[in-house]
Each structure stands twice: as C-alpha cells, then as structure tokens.
C-alpha cells in the first residue's frame, strides 16, 4: 500500500529503470529463449 499511496513523482532515472524492467518482463514472457538481462553487458 505504501507504493500506491505515494504521490511523489519519479525521477527520470527511476522512470527509465521502471520502463526497462517492464519491457524485459514482457520480452521474457513472449520469447523466453533469449536472456534479455545479458543484453546490457559488454563482451
């Protein structure tokens, strides 16, 4: 309940992180063979 009752705005960094997490979640649901968490890592 603390999260939904908090009316303060998210920072740009928090918003970017939230969007990234949701996108990763949806991509893993529709294409579980690919590990999207490793995409940010450099070789």
Protein backbone atom coordinates (compact mmCIF):
# COMPACT_ATOMS: atom_id res chain seq x y z
CA UNK A 1 0.00 0.00 0.00
CA UNK A 2 2.93 2.37 0.58
CA UNK A 3 3.82 2.38 -3.10
CA UNK A 4 0.32 3.19 -4.34
CA UNK A 5 -0.36 5.83 -1.70
CA UNK A 6 2.86 7.72 -2.50
CA UNK A 7 2.03 10.61 -4.85
CA UNK A 8 5.59 11.88 -5.33
CA UNK A 9 6.87 11.96 -8.90
CA UNK A 10 9.51 9.54 -10.12
CA UNK A 11 12.87 10.83 -11.27
CA UNK A 12 13.90 10.38 -14.91
CA UNK A 13 16.31 7.62 -13.84
CA UNK A 14 13.62 5.79 -11.86
CA UNK A 15 11.19 6.07 -14.78
CA UNK A 16 13.78 4.71 -17.22
CA UNK A 17 14.53 1.80 -14.88
CA UNK A 18 10.82 1.04 -14.45
CA UNK A 19 10.23 1.04 -18.22
CA UNK A 20 13.29 -1.16 -18.76
CA UNK A 21 12.10 -3.68 -16.18
CA UNK A 22 8.61 -3.86 -17.68
CA UNK A 23 9.99 -4.25 -21.20
CA UNK A 24 12.32 -7.03 -20.05
CA UNK A 25 9.43 -8.75 -18.28
CA UNK A 26 7.20 -8.68 -21.38
CA UNK A 27 10.01 -9.80 -23.67
CA UNK A 28 10.77 -12.76 -21.41
CA UNK A 29 7.10 -13.75 -21.43
CA UNK A 30 6.90 -13.77 -25.22
CA UNK A 31 10.41 -15.03 -26.03
CA UNK A 32 11.81 -16.95 -23.05
CA UNK A 33 14.72 -18.46 -25.04
CA UNK A 34 16.58 -15.13 -25.13
CA UNK A 35 18.21 -13.80 -21.94
CA UNK A 36 17.47 -10.07 -22.19
CA UNK A 37 19.25 -9.29 -18.92
CA UNK A 38 22.58 -10.09 -20.62
CA UNK A 39 21.93 -7.60 -23.44
CA UNK A 40 23.27 -4.70 -21.38
CA UNK A 41 26.59 -6.45 -20.69
CA UNK A 42 29.52 -5.71 -22.96
CA UNK A 43 31.71 -8.56 -24.27
